[in-house]
Protein backbone atom coordinates (compact mmCIF):
# COMPACT_ATOMS: atom_id res chain seq x y z
CA MET A 1 0.00 0.00 0.00
CA GLY A 2 2.95 2.30 0.63
CA LYS A 3 2.86 5.94 1.62
CA TRP A 4 0.40 8.50 0.33
CA LEU A 5 -0.33 12.12 1.14
CA ILE A 6 -3.22 14.54 1.50
CA LYS A 7 -2.19 18.17 1.10
CA ASN A 8 -4.10 21.48 1.15
CA GLY A 9 -6.70 19.81 3.35
CA THR A 10 -8.97 20.85 6.18
CA PHE A 11 -9.22 18.07 8.76
CA VAL A 12 -11.93 17.68 11.40
CA THR A 13 -9.82 15.52 13.68
CA LEU A 14 -12.26 15.38 16.64
CA ASP A 15 -9.14 15.39 18.79
CA ASP A 16 -9.69 17.63 21.83
CA LYS A 17 -6.25 19.21 21.50
CA ARG A 18 -6.65 20.24 17.84
CA PRO A 19 -10.20 19.66 16.53
CA ILE A 20 -9.62 21.47 13.20
CA LEU A 21 -6.36 21.37 11.27
CA HIS A 22 -5.55 23.15 8.00
CA GLY A 23 -2.64 21.40 6.39
CA TRP A 24 -1.59 17.89 5.46
CA MET A 25 -1.79 14.24 6.44
CA GLY A 26 0.62 11.43 5.63
CA ILE A 27 -0.61 7.82 5.51
CA ASP A 28 1.77 4.89 5.75
CA GLY A 29 0.07 1.64 4.78
CA THR A 30 -3.05 1.20 6.88
CA HIS A 31 -2.32 3.93 9.45
CA ILE A 32 -2.18 7.70 9.75
CA ALA A 33 1.53 8.45 10.16
CA GLU A 34 1.81 12.22 10.52
CA MET A 35 -0.27 15.39 10.38
CA GLY A 36 0.71 19.02 10.33
CA GLU A 37 -0.28 22.60 9.64
CA GLY A 38 0.55 24.29 6.34
CA ASP A 39 2.54 22.56 3.62
CA PRO A 40 3.84 18.98 3.92
CA PRO A 41 7.57 18.44 4.51
CA PRO A 42 9.71 17.72 1.43
CA ALA A 43 10.27 14.12 2.58
CA TRP A 44 6.57 13.34 2.30
CA LEU A 45 6.31 15.00 -1.09
CA GLU A 46 9.19 12.88 -2.32
CA GLN A 47 8.17 9.55 -0.77
CA ALA A 48 4.40 9.60 -1.39
CA SER A 49 3.31 7.23 -4.14
CA GLU A 50 0.03 9.15 -4.44
CA THR A 51 -0.93 12.70 -3.49
CA VAL A 52 -4.50 13.89 -2.96
CA ASP A 53 -5.22 17.61 -3.36
CA GLY A 54 -7.56 18.45 -0.51
CA ARG A 55 -8.80 21.82 -1.75
CA ASN A 56 -12.60 22.21 -1.42
CA LEU A 57 -12.70 19.05 0.69
CA LEU A 58 -13.30 18.52 4.38
CA PHE A 59 -11.69 15.37 5.82
CA LEU A 60 -13.06 13.62 8.89
CA PRO A 61 -13.02 10.15 10.46
CA GLY A 62 -15.11 7.52 8.71
CA LEU A 63 -18.56 7.30 10.25
CA ILE A 64 -19.40 4.35 12.53
CA ASN A 65 -22.79 2.62 12.47
CA THR A 66 -23.18 0.76 15.77
CA HIS A 67 -26.33 -1.26 15.03
CA GLY A 68 -27.95 -2.69 11.95
CA HIS A 69 -29.11 -5.65 9.93
CA ALA A 70 -27.47 -5.16 6.54
CA ALA A 71 -29.24 -7.90 4.60
CA MET A 72 -32.62 -6.35 5.43
CA SER A 73 -31.85 -3.79 2.73
CA LEU A 74 -33.76 -6.28 0.55
CA LEU A 75 -36.90 -5.40 2.55
CA ARG A 76 -36.65 -1.61 2.23
CA GLY A 77 -40.13 -0.11 1.88
CA LEU A 78 -41.90 -3.45 2.26
CA ALA A 79 -44.09 -2.69 5.29
CA ASP A 80 -43.97 0.90 6.52
CA ASP A 81 -46.10 2.72 9.09
CA ARG A 82 -46.80 -0.23 11.39
CA THR A 83 -46.17 -1.00 15.05
CA LEU A 84 -42.93 -2.81 15.85
CA GLN A 85 -44.58 -6.10 16.80
CA ASP A 86 -46.86 -6.09 13.72
CA TRP A 87 -43.94 -5.06 11.50
CA LEU A 88 -41.72 -7.83 12.89
CA GLU A 89 -44.11 -10.72 13.39
CA ASN A 90 -46.40 -10.29 10.37
CA HIS A 91 -44.07 -8.83 7.75
CA MET A 92 -40.34 -9.02 8.48
CA TRP A 93 -39.97 -12.43 10.10
CA PRO A 94 -42.09 -14.30 7.51
CA MET A 95 -40.02 -12.81 4.67
CA GLU A 96 -36.73 -13.35 6.48
CA ALA A 97 -37.61 -17.01 7.00
CA LYS A 98 -37.28 -17.38 3.22
CA PHE A 99 -33.78 -15.82 3.10
CA THR A 100 -31.01 -17.97 1.66
CA GLY A 101 -27.30 -17.34 2.05
CA ASP A 102 -27.32 -15.68 -1.38
CA ASP A 103 -30.10 -13.31 -0.31
CA VAL A 104 -28.06 -12.31 2.73
CA TYR A 105 -24.98 -11.83 0.53
CA TRP A 106 -26.66 -9.52 -1.98
CA GLY A 107 -28.68 -7.65 0.65
CA SER A 108 -25.49 -7.03 2.61
CA ALA A 109 -23.64 -5.98 -0.54
CA LEU A 110 -26.41 -3.49 -1.28
CA ALA A 111 -26.04 -2.12 2.26
CA ALA A 112 -22.24 -1.99 1.96
CA ALA A 113 -22.45 0.02 -1.25
CA GLU A 114 -24.85 2.48 0.35
CA MET A 115 -22.76 2.83 3.49
CA ILE A 116 -19.55 3.50 1.58
CA LYS A 117 -21.22 6.07 -0.65
CA THR A 118 -22.59 7.93 2.39
CA GLY A 119 -19.38 7.90 4.44
CA THR A 120 -19.65 4.91 6.79
CA THR A 121 -16.40 2.94 7.12
CA THR A 122 -17.28 0.76 10.14
CA PHE A 123 -20.56 -0.96 10.97
CA LEU A 124 -22.01 -3.54 13.33
CA ASP A 125 -24.26 -6.21 11.88
CA MET A 126 -26.55 -8.67 13.64
CA TYR A 127 -28.02 -11.35 11.39
CA ASP A 128 -27.96 -14.94 10.14
CA HIS A 129 -25.74 -16.52 7.42
CA MET A 130 -22.96 -14.36 8.83
CA ASP A 131 -20.28 -16.07 6.76
CA ARG A 132 -21.84 -14.43 3.71
CA VAL A 133 -21.88 -11.03 5.41
CA ALA A 134 -18.20 -11.48 6.28
CA GLU A 135 -17.46 -12.26 2.63
CA VAL A 136 -19.03 -8.93 1.66
CA VAL A 137 -17.02 -7.05 4.29
CA ALA A 138 -13.77 -8.65 3.14
CA MET A 139 -14.50 -7.79 -0.50
CA ALA A 140 -15.78 -4.26 0.15
CA GLY A 141 -12.83 -3.23 2.32
CA LEU A 142 -15.00 -2.03 5.19
CA ARG A 143 -14.39 -2.49 8.90
CA ALA A 144 -17.12 -4.41 10.72
CA VAL A 145 -18.19 -5.95 14.00
CA LEU A 146 -20.23 -8.99 13.02
CA THR A 147 -22.66 -10.83 15.26
CA ARG A 148 -24.71 -13.95 14.62
CA GLY A 149 -28.09 -12.85 15.98
CA MET A 150 -29.90 -15.61 17.84
CA ILE A 151 -33.61 -15.75 18.61
CA GLY A 152 -33.80 -18.28 21.41
CA ALA A 153 -37.57 -18.84 21.62
CA VAL A 154 -37.19 -22.13 19.73
CA PRO A 155 -36.80 -25.81 20.68
CA GLU A 156 -33.62 -26.72 22.53
CA GLU A 157 -32.06 -28.47 19.52
CA GLN A 158 -32.43 -25.29 17.46
CA GLN A 159 -30.99 -23.22 20.30
CA LYS A 160 -27.98 -25.49 20.40
CA ALA A 161 -27.51 -25.31 16.63
CA LYS A 162 -27.67 -21.51 16.64
CA LEU A 163 -25.17 -21.19 19.46
CA GLU A 164 -22.79 -23.67 17.81
CA ASP A 165 -23.09 -21.69 14.58
CA ALA A 166 -22.28 -18.44 16.41
CA ILE A 167 -19.27 -19.98 18.14
CA SER A 168 -17.98 -21.46 14.88
CA PHE A 169 -18.43 -18.12 13.12
CA ALA A 170 -16.51 -16.31 15.87
CA LYS A 171 -13.63 -18.78 15.71
CA ASN A 172 -13.41 -18.52 11.92
CA TRP A 173 -13.80 -14.77 11.44
CA HIS A 174 -12.71 -12.86 14.56
CA GLY A 175 -9.65 -10.90 13.45
CA ALA A 176 -10.10 -11.84 9.77
CA ALA A 177 -9.76 -9.59 6.70
CA ASP A 178 -6.46 -8.18 8.00
CA GLY A 179 -8.10 -7.47 11.34
CA ARG A 180 -10.96 -5.45 9.89
CA ILE A 181 -13.53 -8.00 11.09
CA THR A 182 -14.18 -8.53 14.78
CA VAL A 183 -17.00 -10.55 16.35
CA MET A 184 -19.43 -10.21 19.26
CA MET A 185 -21.98 -12.70 20.62
CA SER A 186 -25.61 -11.68 20.23
CA PRO A 187 -28.77 -13.11 21.72
CA HIS A 188 -31.48 -11.19 19.86
CA ALA A 189 -33.29 -9.69 22.87
CA PRO A 190 -34.42 -10.59 26.39
CA TYR A 191 -38.01 -10.99 25.16
CA THR A 192 -37.03 -13.43 22.38
CA CYS A 193 -34.52 -15.49 24.37
CA PRO A 194 -35.17 -17.59 27.49
CA PRO A 195 -32.88 -16.75 30.41
CA ASP A 196 -31.03 -20.06 30.33
CA PHE A 197 -30.20 -19.54 26.65
CA ILE A 198 -28.85 -16.05 27.33
CA VAL A 199 -26.66 -17.52 30.07
CA LYS A 200 -25.23 -20.03 27.60
CA VAL A 201 -24.41 -17.20 25.18
CA ILE A 202 -22.73 -15.26 27.99
CA GLU A 203 -20.66 -18.32 28.91
CA ALA A 204 -19.57 -18.66 25.28
CA ALA A 205 -18.58 -14.99 25.20
CA HIS A 206 -16.42 -15.52 28.28
CA ASP A 207 -14.80 -18.60 26.77
CA LEU A 208 -14.06 -16.78 23.50
CA GLY A 209 -13.09 -13.46 25.09
CA LEU A 210 -15.74 -11.57 23.14
CA GLY A 211 -18.18 -8.76 23.87
CA LEU A 212 -21.97 -9.03 23.85
CA HIS A 213 -24.66 -7.23 21.89
CA THR A 214 -28.47 -7.33 22.12
CA HIS A 215 -31.64 -5.31 21.62
CA MET A 216 -32.92 -3.90 24.90
CA SER A 217 -35.89 -1.80 26.06
CA GLU A 218 -36.81 -0.73 22.55
CA THR A 219 -40.56 -0.53 23.23
CA ARG A 220 -42.85 -0.22 26.24
CA PHE A 221 -44.44 -3.50 25.13
CA GLU A 222 -41.25 -5.50 25.56
CA VAL A 223 -40.46 -3.84 28.90
CA GLU A 224 -43.93 -4.74 30.20
CA GLN A 225 -43.61 -8.27 28.85
CA ASN A 226 -40.25 -8.68 30.59
CA VAL A 227 -41.87 -7.66 33.88
CA ARG A 228 -44.73 -10.12 33.31
CA ASP A 229 -42.39 -12.98 32.40
CA TYR A 230 -39.50 -12.42 34.80
CA GLY A 231 -40.67 -9.93 37.41
CA VAL A 232 -38.09 -7.26 36.50
CA ARG A 233 -37.39 -4.81 33.68
CA PRO A 234 -34.81 -5.70 30.98
CA PRO A 235 -31.69 -3.97 32.38
CA GLU A 236 -32.00 -5.63 35.80
CA HIS A 237 -32.92 -8.92 34.13
CA LEU A 238 -29.78 -8.87 31.94
CA ASP A 239 -27.64 -7.75 34.87
CA ARG A 240 -28.85 -10.68 37.00
CA LEU A 241 -28.03 -13.08 34.16
CA GLY A 242 -24.47 -11.72 33.99
CA PHE A 243 -24.81 -10.06 30.59
CA PHE A 244 -22.94 -6.97 31.75
CA SER A 245 -20.02 -9.03 33.04
CA ARG A 246 -18.59 -8.80 29.50
CA PRO A 247 -18.06 -5.62 27.47
CA ALA A 248 -21.66 -5.02 26.38
CA LEU A 249 -23.46 -2.91 23.80
CA VAL A 250 -27.26 -2.63 23.85
CA ALA A 251 -29.29 -1.30 20.95
CA HIS A 252 -32.08 1.26 21.44
CA ALA A 253 -32.41 1.53 25.26
CA VAL A 254 -35.38 3.83 24.71
CA HIS A 255 -37.33 3.17 27.90
CA LEU A 256 -34.95 3.58 30.83
CA THR A 257 -35.48 4.84 34.36
CA ASP A 258 -32.95 6.97 36.25
CA GLU A 259 -31.88 3.87 38.15
CA GLU A 260 -31.35 1.91 34.94
CA ILE A 261 -29.23 4.68 33.45
CA ALA A 262 -27.12 4.61 36.62
CA LEU A 263 -26.82 0.81 36.34
CA LEU A 264 -25.64 0.93 32.72
CA ALA A 265 -23.12 3.62 33.62
CA GLU A 266 -21.83 1.59 36.57
CA ARG A 267 -21.50 -1.55 34.41
CA ARG A 268 -19.91 0.47 31.57
CA VAL A 269 -22.54 -0.69 29.11
CA ALA A 270 -22.53 1.18 25.78
CA VAL A 271 -25.73 2.16 23.97
CA SER A 272 -26.50 2.31 20.25
CA HIS A 273 -28.95 5.18 19.74
CA ASN A 274 -31.13 4.66 16.62
CA PRO A 275 -33.23 7.83 16.41
CA VAL A 276 -34.70 7.45 12.91
CA SER A 277 -35.79 3.84 13.35
CA ASN A 278 -37.16 4.52 16.83
CA LEU A 279 -39.24 7.41 15.52
CA LYS A 280 -40.48 5.57 12.43
CA LEU A 281 -41.66 2.62 14.51
CA ALA A 282 -42.98 4.98 17.22
CA SER A 283 -40.85 3.19 19.78
CA GLY A 284 -40.09 6.44 21.59
CA VAL A 285 -37.13 8.74 22.23
CA ALA A 286 -34.14 7.49 24.21
CA ARG A 287 -32.90 9.62 27.10
CA VAL A 288 -29.59 10.40 25.46
CA PRO A 289 -28.77 13.66 27.30
CA GLU A 290 -29.13 11.85 30.63
CA MET A 291 -27.04 8.91 29.37
CA LEU A 292 -24.24 11.17 28.21
CA LYS A 293 -24.35 13.10 31.49
CA ALA A 294 -24.06 9.80 33.39
CA GLY A 295 -20.94 8.89 31.40
CA ILE A 296 -22.49 6.21 29.19
CA THR A 297 -20.82 5.77 25.80
CA VAL A 298 -23.54 6.44 23.21
CA GLY A 299 -22.97 5.64 19.55
CA LEU A 300 -25.37 5.92 16.63
CA GLY A 301 -27.03 3.26 14.52
CA THR A 302 -29.34 3.22 11.55
CA ASP A 303 -30.95 -0.13 12.36
CA SER A 304 -31.98 -1.76 9.07
CA ALA A 305 -33.02 -0.11 5.81
CA ALA A 306 -36.38 -1.80 6.39
CA SER A 307 -37.08 0.41 9.41
CA ASN A 308 -35.18 3.57 8.53
CA ASN A 309 -35.27 3.48 5.34
CA ASN A 310 -31.66 4.41 4.49
CA LEU A 311 -28.20 3.89 5.93
CA ASP A 312 -27.02 7.51 5.75
CA LEU A 313 -25.48 8.06 9.17
CA PHE A 314 -25.40 11.83 8.62
CA GLU A 315 -29.18 11.71 9.14
CA GLU A 316 -28.73 10.00 12.50
CA ILE A 317 -26.09 12.56 13.51
CA ARG A 318 -28.35 15.49 12.63
CA LEU A 319 -31.39 13.97 14.31
CA ALA A 320 -29.39 13.12 17.44
CA ALA A 321 -28.54 16.82 17.71
CA LEU A 322 -32.07 18.08 16.95
CA LEU A 323 -34.42 15.54 18.52
CA HIS A 324 -33.29 15.93 22.10
CA LYS A 325 -33.42 19.71 21.90
CA GLY A 326 -37.07 19.49 20.93
CA VAL A 327 -37.97 16.85 23.51
CA THR A 328 -36.23 18.58 26.42
CA GLY A 329 -36.92 22.18 25.43
CA ASP A 330 -33.22 22.87 25.91
CA PRO A 331 -31.27 23.96 22.80
CA THR A 332 -27.95 23.33 24.53
CA VAL A 333 -28.31 19.55 24.91
CA VAL A 334 -26.40 17.29 22.50
CA PRO A 335 -24.46 20.08 20.78
CA ALA A 336 -23.20 19.53 17.24
CA ALA A 337 -19.73 18.38 18.30
CA ASP A 338 -21.21 15.73 20.62
CA ALA A 339 -23.54 14.48 17.89
CA LEU A 340 -20.61 14.15 15.50
CA ARG A 341 -18.59 12.31 18.15
CA MET A 342 -21.52 9.92 18.61
CA GLY A 343 -21.18 9.05 14.94
CA THR A 344 -17.41 8.60 15.14
CA VAL A 345 -15.24 8.35 18.25
CA TYR A 346 -18.03 7.33 20.65
CA GLY A 347 -19.14 4.71 18.15
CA ALA A 348 -15.62 3.32 17.99
CA LYS A 349 -15.52 3.03 21.78
CA ALA A 350 -18.95 1.35 21.82
CA LEU A 351 -17.69 -1.29 19.39
CA GLY A 352 -14.47 -1.97 21.28
CA LEU A 353 -12.44 -0.13 18.63
CA GLU A 354 -11.18 2.76 20.75
CA GLY A 355 -7.62 3.52 19.72
CA VAL A 356 -8.22 1.87 16.36
CA THR A 357 -10.56 4.25 14.53
CA GLY A 358 -12.97 7.14 15.16
CA LEU A 359 -10.43 9.99 15.22
CA LEU A 360 -7.94 11.51 12.80
CA ARG A 361 -4.77 11.07 14.81
CA PRO A 362 -1.32 9.61 14.04
CA GLY A 363 -1.19 5.96 15.00
CA LEU A 364 -4.86 5.26 14.28
CA LYS A 365 -6.20 3.47 11.24
CA ALA A 366 -6.60 5.50 8.07
CA ASP A 367 -10.40 5.35 8.03
CA ILE A 368 -11.11 8.70 6.40
CA ILE A 369 -13.89 10.33 4.42
CA ALA A 370 -13.76 13.52 2.36
CA VAL A 371 -16.83 15.73 2.07
CA SER A 372 -17.14 18.36 -0.66
CA THR A 373 -17.37 21.95 0.58
CA ASP A 374 -17.76 23.38 -2.94
CA ASN A 375 -21.53 23.75 -2.67
CA THR A 376 -24.25 25.93 -1.19
CA MET A 377 -24.64 23.80 1.94
CA PHE A 378 -21.09 24.64 3.10
CA THR A 379 -21.29 28.35 2.19
CA PRO A 380 -20.30 30.54 3.93
CA GLN A 381 -17.45 28.51 5.39
CA THR A 382 -17.97 29.36 9.03
CA ASP A 383 -18.22 26.48 11.51
CA TYR A 384 -17.33 23.22 9.79
CA ILE A 385 -18.68 21.01 12.56
CA SER A 386 -21.99 22.87 12.47
CA HIS A 387 -22.19 22.41 8.69
CA LEU A 388 -21.42 18.69 8.94
CA VAL A 389 -24.14 18.13 11.54
CA TYR A 390 -26.90 20.53 10.53
CA ALA A 391 -26.42 20.93 6.76
CA ALA A 392 -24.50 18.02 5.24
CA SER A 393 -25.73 14.62 4.08
CA GLY A 394 -24.16 11.48 2.71
CA ALA A 395 -24.66 12.94 -0.76
CA HIS A 396 -21.73 15.30 -0.06
CA VAL A 397 -19.24 12.43 0.41
CA ARG A 398 -16.69 12.34 -2.41
CA HIS A 399 -13.91 10.01 -1.23
CA VAL A 400 -13.70 7.18 1.29
CA TRP A 401 -10.70 5.24 2.63
CA ALA A 402 -10.73 2.37 5.12
CA ASP A 403 -7.58 0.78 6.48
CA GLY A 404 -5.64 3.06 4.12
CA ARG A 405 -7.36 1.67 1.01
CA GLN A 406 -9.57 3.89 -1.14
CA LEU A 407 -13.09 2.52 -1.44
CA LEU A 408 -14.76 5.53 -3.10
CA ARG A 409 -13.22 8.02 -5.54
CA ASN A 410 -15.21 11.01 -6.75
CA GLY A 411 -18.40 9.23 -5.75
CA GLU A 412 -17.54 6.03 -7.64
CA LEU A 413 -17.22 2.71 -5.82
CA LEU A 414 -13.85 1.06 -6.33
CA THR A 415 -14.31 -2.27 -4.54
CA LEU A 416 -17.93 -3.11 -5.38
CA ASP A 417 -19.83 -3.42 -8.66
CA GLU A 418 -22.81 -1.17 -7.92
CA GLU A 419 -24.79 -2.02 -11.06
CA LYS A 420 -24.48 -5.78 -10.52
CA ILE A 421 -25.37 -5.49 -6.83
CA MET A 422 -28.56 -3.56 -7.58
CA HIS A 423 -29.55 -6.07 -10.28
CA GLU A 424 -28.97 -9.07 -8.02
CA ALA A 425 -30.70 -7.44 -5.05
CA GLN A 426 -33.78 -6.71 -7.16
CA ALA A 427 -33.80 -10.32 -8.38
CA CYS A 428 -33.56 -11.58 -4.78
CA PHE A 429 -36.52 -9.45 -3.75
CA ALA A 430 -38.61 -10.61 -6.71
CA ARG A 431 -38.04 -14.23 -5.72
CA LEU A 432 -38.79 -13.56 -2.03
CA ARG A 433 -41.95 -11.60 -2.85
CA GLY A 434 -43.09 -14.20 -5.39
């Protein structure tokens, strides 16, 4: 891969010491090697095998999507404007039961193409046929945390088969694709998994040295059901089972009490905030300002394209900044810089990738996106972070690199065949719908 150089650039580093830098960046292989103000040193100009002119571009860390189901891109627009339980039980799950490994492959490829084009370089995925998802990640050049989602409300033999599949997947793929793929263990949710099954998953996570991921407290319905079934609400239920004894990330966490927020903070549980999906399914609004104040690491997720209906993380960043202002009546909560950190550095920490990605800093991976500023949305050029959060969208992304490799150049995918992916995805949907 060698050395390459970005000059004449403006860098939103998200580093507290120097959040905005006007100058240059040198990349050596997969990592950021050096950064500086002004013009690059002669040594970098001489040694760089490729030089990128950064004029009219704003460089920032690749965005990080902390919760989703990539293959469900095949179900985009299939059943909108329904309650979560109706949407899941009567529309999503019956269609997903028909999914083959090829469907998962092409649905995930469709999601990967969309994520790259809108600036996401790292994502978490929870699904089935995870070998096929891993194949897509390896081919696309993305960074991913992959989890074999397991619904445990099935006969014991099926539970055992799912857990064995998850363990086998973790052993085969954790650390694969030059380290770009890592694995977590994922029981689907407390309301879809019996307690003894969750305990078995936790034991496997301990044995494998892996983190845990699950849906939690997404709707009032599931919270009430948890109380009916087990006598306690989901956070206490998971805590009693030992779920938080491993590094844990919970998706949604919409319906939390003050005591539950304190518990998650004490157990160092991270939260994936999915504002668009939670609004679309009328699940509610998570108490993000209180979580952040308590010291909880909060990242952002799109959930699936079936409940969103896109994977543009810039939308989640903007909504994370706006939604909580409206709900609380306080325009100072979740300021723009915090919202952008939720989509980058906080997301990296939530996924166990702190010190790997999420910032533009020497020593970290070269996961970088370049956004065009040569347009009305970035004029006048005042506060770049404000523009990124309140004005920009994934449509402004021009270049994307992950692990030092360019995945998108001038809006064109370099590692994926976009036309073929769309054709195959449409064919998969036609067969599933037929």
